[in-house]
């Protein structure tokens, strides 16, 4: 358990996700947008696990896999296709 690093990752992941989604989503190529959102999701998951007392290996594997995959999918479903239109 490393609370300071966990909270820092939660804040950084949140800020990175918000900047990517609300400012960069239509300004950068689609693969870069998806990669940035995946990294933000993984940072959020890592931060959440670091502030817990007993996170096991299964928690780590499942959390990072699920958030790394679902964060970009969620961004795509809510905000539409990334990248420049037309």
PDB file of N, CA and C in Angstrom:
ATOM      1  N   UNK A   1       0.846  -1.178   0.000  1.00  0.00           N
ATOM      2  CA  UNK A   1       0.000   0.000   0.000  1.00  0.00           C
ATOM      3  C   UNK A   1       0.888   1.237   0.000  1.00  0.00           C
ATOM      4  N   UNK A   2       0.686   2.075  -0.977  1.00  0.00           N
ATOM      5  CA  UNK A   2       1.435   3.318  -1.083  1.00  0.00           C
ATOM      6  C   UNK A   2       0.434   4.421  -1.421  1.00  0.00           C
ATOM      7  N   UNK A   3      -0.099   5.035  -0.387  1.00  0.00           N
ATOM      8  CA  UNK A   3      -1.200   5.966  -0.551  1.00  0.00           C
ATOM      9  C   UNK A   3      -0.821   7.191  -1.366  1.00  0.00           C
ATOM     10  N   UNK A   4       0.340   7.752  -1.130  1.00  0.00           N
ATOM     11  CA  UNK A   4       0.734   8.976  -1.827  1.00  0.00           C
ATOM     12  C   UNK A   4       0.859   8.744  -3.338  1.00  0.00           C
ATOM     13  N   UNK A   5       1.525   7.669  -3.718  1.00  0.00           N
ATOM     14  CA  UNK A   5       1.671   7.352  -5.139  1.00  0.00           C
ATOM     15  C   UNK A   5       0.315   7.003  -5.739  1.00  0.00           C
ATOM     16  N   UNK A   6      -0.508   6.279  -5.000  1.00  0.00           N
ATOM     17  CA  UNK A   6      -1.841   5.922  -5.479  1.00  0.00           C
ATOM     18  C   UNK A   6      -2.705   7.136  -5.747  1.00  0.00           C
ATOM     19  N   UNK A   7      -2.722   8.065  -4.830  1.00  0.00           N
ATOM     20  CA  UNK A   7      -3.508   9.280  -5.020  1.00  0.00           C
ATOM     21  C   UNK A   7      -2.958  10.104  -6.179  1.00  0.00           C
ATOM     22  N   UNK A   8      -1.644  10.181  -6.291  1.00  0.00           N
ATOM     23  CA  UNK A   8      -1.039  10.907  -7.412  1.00  0.00           C
ATOM     24  C   UNK A   8      -1.435  10.282  -8.745  1.00  0.00           C
ATOM     25  N   UNK A   9      -1.436   8.945  -8.822  1.00  0.00           N
ATOM     26  CA  UNK A   9      -1.851   8.281 -10.058  1.00  0.00           C
ATOM     27  C   UNK A   9      -3.333   8.487 -10.341  1.00  0.00           C
ATOM     28  N   UNK A  10      -4.155   8.507  -9.306  1.00  0.00           N
ATOM     29  CA  UNK A  10      -5.575   8.778  -9.503  1.00  0.00           C
ATOM     30  C   UNK A  10      -5.799  10.184 -10.067  1.00  0.00           C
ATOM     31  N   UNK A  11      -5.091  11.145  -9.528  1.00  0.00           N
ATOM     32  CA  UNK A  11      -5.224  12.522 -10.012  1.00  0.00           C
ATOM     33  C   UNK A  11      -4.678  12.654 -11.429  1.00  0.00           C
ATOM     34  N   UNK A  12      -3.490  12.105 -11.661  1.00  0.00           N
ATOM     35  CA  UNK A  12      -2.879  12.194 -12.993  1.00  0.00           C
ATOM     36  C   UNK A  12      -3.714  11.477 -14.047  1.00  0.00           C
ATOM     37  N   UNK A  13      -4.216  10.290 -13.724  1.00  0.00           N
ATOM     38  CA  UNK A  13      -5.052   9.557 -14.665  1.00  0.00           C
ATOM     39  C   UNK A  13      -6.344  10.289 -14.981  1.00  0.00           C
ATOM     40  N   UNK A  14      -6.935  10.906 -13.966  1.00  0.00           N
ATOM     41  CA  UNK A  14      -8.158  11.671 -14.183  1.00  0.00           C
ATOM     42  C   UNK A  14      -7.911  12.880 -15.074  1.00  0.00           C
ATOM     43  N   UNK A  15      -6.859  13.621 -14.783  1.00  0.00           N
ATOM     44  CA  UNK A  15      -6.527  14.805 -15.582  1.00  0.00           C
ATOM     45  C   UNK A  15      -6.193  14.406 -17.019  1.00  0.00           C
ATOM     46  N   UNK A  16      -5.400  13.357 -17.181  1.00  0.00           N
ATOM     47  CA  UNK A  16      -5.034  12.908 -18.531  1.00  0.00           C
ATOM     48  C   UNK A  16      -6.260  12.456 -19.311  1.00  0.00           C
ATOM     49  N   UNK A  17      -7.156  11.740 -18.664  1.00  0.00           N
ATOM     50  CA  UNK A  17      -8.375  11.295 -19.331  1.00  0.00           C
ATOM     51  C   UNK A  17      -9.270  12.457 -19.728  1.00  0.00           C
ATOM     52  N   UNK A  18      -9.418  13.420 -18.838  1.00  0.00           N
ATOM     53  CA  UNK A  18     -10.264  14.577 -19.147  1.00  0.00           C
ATOM     54  C   UNK A  18      -9.672  15.425 -20.269  1.00  0.00           C
ATOM     55  N   UNK A  19      -8.378  15.652 -20.235  1.00  0.00           N
ATOM     56  CA  UNK A  19      -7.736  16.429 -21.304  1.00  0.00           C
ATOM     57  C   UNK A  19      -7.853  15.702 -22.635  1.00  0.00           C
ATOM     58  N   UNK A  20      -7.613  14.404 -22.616  1.00  0.00           N
ATOM     59  CA  UNK A  20      -7.718  13.634 -23.860  1.00  0.00           C
ATOM     60  C   UNK A  20      -9.136  13.662 -24.399  1.00  0.00           C
ATOM     61  N   UNK A  21     -10.100  13.450 -23.540  1.00  0.00           N
ATOM     62  CA  UNK A  21     -11.475  13.344 -23.996  1.00  0.00           C
ATOM     63  C   UNK A  21     -12.061  14.682 -24.428  1.00  0.00           C
ATOM     64  N   UNK A  22     -11.830  15.715 -23.658  1.00  0.00           N
ATOM     65  CA  UNK A  22     -12.496  16.989 -23.945  1.00  0.00           C
ATOM     66  C   UNK A  22     -11.687  17.938 -24.814  1.00  0.00           C
ATOM     67  N   UNK A  23     -10.376  17.752 -24.908  1.00  0.00           N
ATOM     68  CA  UNK A  23      -9.586  18.702 -25.681  1.00  0.00           C
ATOM     69  C   UNK A  23      -8.884  18.053 -26.862  1.00  0.00           C
ATOM     70  N   UNK A  24      -8.330  16.864 -26.685  1.00  0.00           N
ATOM     71  CA  UNK A  24      -7.537  16.233 -27.736  1.00  0.00           C
ATOM     72  C   UNK A  24      -8.321  15.267 -28.618  1.00  0.00           C
ATOM     73  N   UNK A  25      -9.502  14.873 -28.233  1.00  0.00           N
ATOM     74  CA  UNK A  25     -10.244  13.816 -28.903  1.00  0.00           C
ATOM     75  C   UNK A  25     -10.383  14.041 -30.409  1.00  0.00           C
ATOM     76  N   UNK A  26     -10.685  15.237 -30.827  1.00  0.00           N
ATOM     77  CA  UNK A  26     -10.852  15.541 -32.250  1.00  0.00           C
ATOM     78  C   UNK A  26      -9.585  16.136 -32.880  1.00  0.00           C
ATOM     79  N   UNK A  27      -8.546  16.343 -32.100  1.00  0.00           N
ATOM     80  CA  UNK A  27      -7.352  17.015 -32.607  1.00  0.00           C
ATOM     81  C   UNK A  27      -6.191  16.079 -32.925  1.00  0.00           C
ATOM     82  N   UNK A  28      -6.214  14.864 -32.402  1.00  0.00           N
ATOM     83  CA  UNK A  28      -5.113  13.929 -32.631  1.00  0.00           C
ATOM     84  C   UNK A  28      -5.647  12.696 -33.363  1.00  0.00           C
ATOM     85  N   UNK A  29      -4.771  11.932 -33.993  1.00  0.00           N
ATOM     86  CA  UNK A  29      -5.220  10.718 -34.691  1.00  0.00           C
ATOM     87  C   UNK A  29      -5.881   9.723 -33.734  1.00  0.00           C
ATOM     88  N   UNK A  30      -6.773   8.917 -34.279  1.00  0.00           N
ATOM     89  CA  UNK A  30      -7.535   7.969 -33.470  1.00  0.00           C
ATOM     90  C   UNK A  30      -6.658   7.011 -32.664  1.00  0.00           C
ATOM     91  N   UNK A  31      -5.610   6.404 -33.226  1.00  0.00           N
ATOM     92  CA  UNK A  31      -4.798   5.490 -32.399  1.00  0.00           C
ATOM     93  C   UNK A  31      -4.161   6.190 -31.193  1.00  0.00           C
ATOM     94  N   UNK A  32      -3.748   7.427 -31.385  1.00  0.00           N
ATOM     95  CA  UNK A  32      -3.151   8.170 -30.266  1.00  0.00           C
ATOM     96  C   UNK A  32      -4.201   8.473 -29.198  1.00  0.00           C
ATOM     97  N   UNK A  33      -5.400   8.831 -29.617  1.00  0.00           N
ATOM     98  CA  UNK A  33      -6.473   9.119 -28.656  1.00  0.00           C
ATOM     99  C   UNK A  33      -6.825   7.875 -27.846  1.00  0.00           C
ATOM    100  N   UNK A  34      -6.951   6.728 -28.532  1.00  0.00           N
ATOM    101  CA  UNK A  34      -7.250   5.490 -27.820  1.00  0.00           C
ATOM    102  C   UNK A  34      -6.114   5.102 -26.881  1.00  0.00           C
ATOM    103  N   UNK A  35      -4.873   5.279 -27.300  1.00  0.00           N
ATOM    104  CA  UNK A  35      -3.726   4.944 -26.448  1.00  0.00           C
ATOM    105  C   UNK A  35      -3.678   5.829 -25.207  1.00  0.00           C
ATOM    106  N   UNK A  36      -3.952   7.114 -25.375  1.00  0.00           N
ATOM    107  CA  UNK A  36      -3.947   8.015 -24.222  1.00  0.00           C
ATOM    108  C   UNK A  36      -5.064   7.671 -23.237  1.00  0.00           C
ATOM    109  N   UNK A  37      -6.240   7.328 -23.757  1.00  0.00           N
ATOM    110  CA  UNK A  37      -7.324   6.945 -22.847  1.00  0.00           C
ATOM    111  C   UNK A  37      -7.030   5.614 -22.155  1.00  0.00           C
ATOM    112  N   UNK A  38      -6.420   4.678 -22.873  1.00  0.00           N
ATOM    113  CA  UNK A  38      -6.047   3.410 -22.236  1.00  0.00           C
ATOM    114  C   UNK A  38      -5.032   3.652 -21.127  1.00  0.00           C
ATOM    115  N   UNK A  39      -4.052   4.510 -21.378  1.00  0.00           N
ATOM    116  CA  UNK A  39      -3.050   4.827 -20.360  1.00  0.00           C
ATOM    117  C   UNK A  39      -3.699   5.518 -19.152  1.00  0.00           C
ATOM    118  N   UNK A  40      -4.663   6.393 -19.406  1.00  0.00           N
ATOM    119  CA  UNK A  40      -5.360   7.060 -18.304  1.00  0.00           C
ATOM    120  C   UNK A  40      -6.153   6.042 -17.483  1.00  0.00           C
ATOM    121  N   UNK A  41      -6.809   5.100 -18.141  1.00  0.00           N
ATOM    122  CA  UNK A  41      -7.550   4.060 -17.425  1.00  0.00           C
ATOM    123  C   UNK A  41      -6.634   3.172 -16.594  1.00  0.00           C
ATOM    124  N   UNK A  42      -5.492   2.819 -17.159  1.00  0.00           N
ATOM    125  CA  UNK A  42      -4.527   1.995 -16.417  1.00  0.00           C
ATOM    126  C   UNK A  42      -3.980   2.765 -15.223  1.00  0.00           C
ATOM    127  N   UNK A  43      -3.721   4.061 -15.392  1.00  0.00           N
ATOM    128  CA  UNK A  43      -3.248   4.881 -14.265  1.00  0.00           C
ATOM    129  C   UNK A  43      -4.303   4.950 -13.169  1.00  0.00           C
ATOM    130  N   UNK A  44      -5.564   5.095 -13.543  1.00  0.00           N
ATOM    131  CA  UNK A  44      -6.637   5.117 -12.543  1.00  0.00           C
ATOM    132  C   UNK A  44      -6.740   3.793 -11.800  1.00  0.00           C
ATOM    133  N   UNK A  45      -6.653   2.702 -12.538  1.00  0.00           N
ATOM    134  CA  UNK A  45      -6.710   1.388 -11.901  1.00  0.00           C
ATOM    135  C   UNK A  45      -5.534   1.144 -10.983  1.00  0.00           C
ATOM    136  N   UNK A  46      -4.349   1.519 -11.421  1.00  0.00           N
ATOM    137  CA  UNK A  46      -3.157   1.353 -10.590  1.00  0.00           C
ATOM    138  C   UNK A  46      -3.262   2.191  -9.324  1.00  0.00           C
ATOM    139  N   UNK A  47      -3.694   3.426  -9.470  1.00  0.00           N
ATOM    140  CA  UNK A  47      -3.857   4.290  -8.302  1.00  0.00           C
ATOM    141  C   UNK A  47      -4.873   3.741  -7.323  1.00  0.00           C
ATOM    142  N   UNK A  48      -5.977   3.230  -7.848  1.00  0.00           N
ATOM    143  CA  UNK A  48      -6.999   2.654  -6.975  1.00  0.00           C
ATOM    144  C   UNK A  48      -6.494   1.428  -6.225  1.00  0.00           C
ATOM    145  N   UNK A  49      -5.685   0.617  -6.886  1.00  0.00           N
ATOM    146  CA  UNK A  49      -5.151  -0.572  -6.219  1.00  0.00           C
ATOM    147  C   UNK A  49      -4.063  -0.226  -5.209  1.00  0.00           C
ATOM    148  N   UNK A  50      -3.304   0.827  -5.482  1.00  0.00           N
ATOM    149  CA  UNK A  50      -2.233   1.196  -4.551  1.00  0.00           C
ATOM    150  C   UNK A  50      -2.755   1.751  -3.230  1.00  0.00           C
ATOM    151  N   UNK A  51      -3.943   2.301  -3.218  1.00  0.00           N
ATOM    152  CA  UNK A  51      -4.475   2.838  -1.967  1.00  0.00           C
ATOM    153  C   UNK A  51      -5.216   1.771  -1.152  1.00  0.00           C
ATOM    154  N   UNK A  52      -5.351   0.572  -1.691  1.00  0.00           N
ATOM    155  CA  UNK A  52      -5.999  -0.522  -0.964  1.00  0.00           C
ATOM    156  C   UNK A  52      -4.989  -1.270  -0.104  1.00  0.00           C
ATOM    157  N   UNK A  53      -5.482  -1.877   0.968  1.00  0.00           N
ATOM    158  CA  UNK A  53      -4.608  -2.635   1.861  1.00  0.00           C
ATOM    159  C   UNK A  53      -4.170  -3.961   1.258  1.00  0.00           C
ATOM    160  N   UNK A  54      -5.104  -4.704   0.687  1.00  0.00           N
ATOM    161  CA  UNK A  54      -4.788  -6.054   0.215  1.00  0.00           C
ATOM    162  C   UNK A  54      -5.285  -6.269  -1.209  1.00  0.00           C
ATOM    163  N   UNK A  55      -4.511  -5.829  -2.169  1.00  0.00           N
ATOM    164  CA  UNK A  55      -4.841  -6.095  -3.567  1.00  0.00           C
ATOM    165  C   UNK A  55      -3.963  -7.241  -4.048  1.00  0.00           C
ATOM    166  N   UNK A  56      -4.601  -8.330  -4.455  1.00  0.00           N
ATOM    167  CA  UNK A  56      -3.861  -9.511  -4.880  1.00  0.00           C
ATOM    168  C   UNK A  56      -3.503  -9.462  -6.358  1.00  0.00           C
ATOM    169  N   UNK A  57      -2.773 -10.450  -6.825  1.00  0.00           N
ATOM    170  CA  UNK A  57      -2.362 -10.497  -8.228  1.00  0.00           C
ATOM    171  C   UNK A  57      -3.540 -10.537  -9.193  1.00  0.00           C
ATOM    172  N   UNK A  58      -4.603 -11.233  -8.809  1.00  0.00           N
ATOM    173  CA  UNK A  58      -5.795 -11.279  -9.651  1.00  0.00           C
ATOM    174  C   UNK A  58      -6.446  -9.911  -9.783  1.00  0.00           C
ATOM    175  N   UNK A  59      -6.467  -9.160  -8.690  1.00  0.00           N
ATOM    176  CA  UNK A  59      -7.002  -7.800  -8.725  1.00  0.00           C
ATOM    177  C   UNK A  59      -6.214  -6.948  -9.708  1.00  0.00           C
ATOM    178  N   UNK A  60      -4.897  -7.067  -9.630  1.00  0.00           N
ATOM    179  CA  UNK A  60      -4.040  -6.276 -10.519  1.00  0.00           C
ATOM    180  C   UNK A  60      -4.282  -6.638 -11.976  1.00  0.00           C
ATOM    181  N   UNK A  61      -4.268  -7.914 -12.269  1.00  0.00           N
ATOM    182  CA  UNK A  61      -4.411  -8.348 -13.660  1.00  0.00           C
ATOM    183  C   UNK A  61      -5.766  -7.946 -14.224  1.00  0.00           C
ATOM    184  N   UNK A  62      -6.819  -8.209 -13.491  1.00  0.00           N
ATOM    185  CA  UNK A  62      -8.155  -7.925 -13.989  1.00  0.00           C
ATOM    186  C   UNK A  62      -8.421  -6.427 -14.090  1.00  0.00           C
ATOM    187  N   UNK A  63      -8.028  -5.686 -13.076  1.00  0.00           N
ATOM    188  CA  UNK A  63      -8.272  -4.248 -13.079  1.00  0.00           C
ATOM    189  C   UNK A  63      -7.557  -3.554 -14.232  1.00  0.00           C
ATOM    190  N   UNK A  64      -6.284  -3.839 -14.411  1.00  0.00           N
ATOM    191  CA  UNK A  64      -5.524  -3.168 -15.455  1.00  0.00           C
ATOM    192  C   UNK A  64      -6.003  -3.581 -16.841  1.00  0.00           C
ATOM    193  N   UNK A  65      -6.345  -4.843 -17.013  1.00  0.00           N
ATOM    194  CA  UNK A  65      -6.852  -5.308 -18.301  1.00  0.00           C
ATOM    195  C   UNK A  65      -8.202  -4.675 -18.629  1.00  0.00           C
ATOM    196  N   UNK A  66      -9.104  -4.688 -17.669  1.00  0.00           N
ATOM    197  CA  UNK A  66     -10.448  -4.172 -17.910  1.00  0.00           C
ATOM    198  C   UNK A  66     -10.428  -2.654 -18.120  1.00  0.00           C
ATOM    199  N   UNK A  67      -9.744  -1.929 -17.266  1.00  0.00           N
ATOM    200  CA  UNK A  67      -9.732  -0.471 -17.426  1.00  0.00           C
ATOM    201  C   UNK A  67      -8.936  -0.037 -18.645  1.00  0.00           C
ATOM    202  N   UNK A  68      -7.885  -0.764 -18.983  1.00  0.00           N
ATOM    203  CA  UNK A  68      -7.132  -0.450 -20.186  1.00  0.00           C
ATOM    204  C   UNK A  68      -7.959  -0.642 -21.443  1.00  0.00           C
ATOM    205  N   UNK A  69      -8.878  -1.592 -21.421  1.00  0.00           N
ATOM    206  CA  UNK A  69      -9.719  -1.859 -22.590  1.00  0.00           C
ATOM    207  C   UNK A  69     -11.008  -1.048 -22.592  1.00  0.00           C
ATOM    208  N   UNK A  70     -11.629  -0.889 -21.443  1.00  0.00           N
ATOM    209  CA  UNK A  70     -12.943  -0.246 -21.409  1.00  0.00           C
ATOM    210  C   UNK A  70     -12.903   1.278 -21.419  1.00  0.00           C
ATOM    211  N   UNK A  71     -11.836   1.879 -20.960  1.00  0.00           N
ATOM    212  CA  UNK A  71     -11.769   3.341 -20.964  1.00  0.00           C
ATOM    213  C   UNK A  71     -11.814   3.905 -22.384  1.00  0.00           C
ATOM    214  N   UNK A  72     -11.013   3.392 -23.334  1.00  0.00           N
ATOM    215  CA  UNK A  72     -11.133   3.896 -24.709  1.00  0.00           C
ATOM    216  C   UNK A  72     -12.488   3.569 -25.341  1.00  0.00           C
ATOM    217  N   UNK A  73     -13.022   2.396 -25.032  1.00  0.00           N
ATOM    218  CA  UNK A  73     -14.331   2.027 -25.563  1.00  0.00           C
ATOM    219  C   UNK A  73     -15.406   2.985 -25.060  1.00  0.00           C
ATOM    220  N   UNK A  74     -15.361   3.306 -23.789  1.00  0.00           N
ATOM    221  CA  UNK A  74     -16.316   4.244 -23.211  1.00  0.00           C
ATOM    222  C   UNK A  74     -16.198   5.615 -23.873  1.00  0.00           C
ATOM    223  N   UNK A  75     -14.973   6.082 -24.068  1.00  0.00           N
ATOM    224  CA  UNK A  75     -14.776   7.366 -24.745  1.00  0.00           C
ATOM    225  C   UNK A  75     -15.339   7.360 -26.146  1.00  0.00           C
ATOM    226  N   UNK A  76     -15.149   6.264 -26.861  1.00  0.00           N
ATOM    227  CA  UNK A  76     -15.664   6.137 -28.229  1.00  0.00           C
ATOM    228  C   UNK A  76     -17.185   6.132 -28.249  1.00  0.00           C
ATOM    229  N   UNK A  77     -17.794   5.410 -27.311  1.00  0.00           N
ATOM    230  CA  UNK A  77     -19.250   5.331 -27.278  1.00  0.00           C
ATOM    231  C   UNK A  77     -19.901   6.650 -26.900  1.00  0.00           C
ATOM    232  N   UNK A  78     -19.295   7.390 -25.996  1.00  0.00           N
ATOM    233  CA  UNK A  78     -19.898   8.638 -25.519  1.00  0.00           C
ATOM    234  C   UNK A  78     -19.607   9.806 -26.457  1.00  0.00           C
ATOM    235  N   UNK A  79     -18.376   9.914 -26.981  1.00  0.00           N
ATOM    236  CA  UNK A  79     -17.983  11.084 -27.739  1.00  0.00           C
ATOM    237  C   UNK A  79     -17.860  10.852 -29.252  1.00  0.00           C
ATOM    238  N   UNK A  80     -18.113   9.655 -29.714  1.00  0.00           N
ATOM    239  CA  UNK A  80     -18.022   9.388 -31.150  1.00  0.00           C
ATOM    240  C   UNK A  80     -16.606   9.091 -31.575  1.00  0.00           C
ATOM    241  N   UNK A  81     -16.415   9.035 -32.878  1.00  0.00           N
ATOM    242  CA  UNK A  81     -15.113   8.683 -33.433  1.00  0.00           C
ATOM    243  C   UNK A  81     -14.073   9.749 -33.134  1.00  0.00           C
ATOM    244  N   UNK A  82     -12.882   9.324 -32.714  1.00  0.00           N
ATOM    245  CA  UNK A  82     -11.815  10.310 -32.489  1.00  0.00           C
ATOM    246  C   UNK A  82     -11.167  10.708 -33.808  1.00  0.00           C
ATOM    247  N   UNK A  83     -10.322  11.683 -33.753  1.00  0.00           N
ATOM    248  CA  UNK A  83      -9.607  12.127 -34.937  1.00  0.00           C
ATOM    249  C   UNK A  83     -10.397  13.175 -35.703  1.00  0.00           C
ATOM    250  N   UNK A  84      -9.768  13.658 -36.730  1.00  0.00           N
ATOM    251  CA  UNK A  84     -10.387  14.704 -37.535  1.00  0.00           C
ATOM    252  C   UNK A  84     -11.527  14.128 -38.366  1.00  0.00           C
ATOM    253  N   UNK A  85     -12.614  14.857 -38.441  1.00  0.00           N
ATOM    254  CA  UNK A  85     -13.759  14.433 -39.233  1.00  0.00           C
ATOM    255  C   UNK A  85     -13.603  14.927 -40.662  1.00  0.00           C
ATOM    256  N   UNK A  86     -14.044  14.093 -41.594  1.00  0.00           N
ATOM    257  CA  UNK A  86     -14.195  14.472 -42.957  1.00  0.00           C
ATOM    258  C   UNK A  86     -13.041  14.664 -43.783  1.00  0.00           C
TER     259      UNK A  86
END
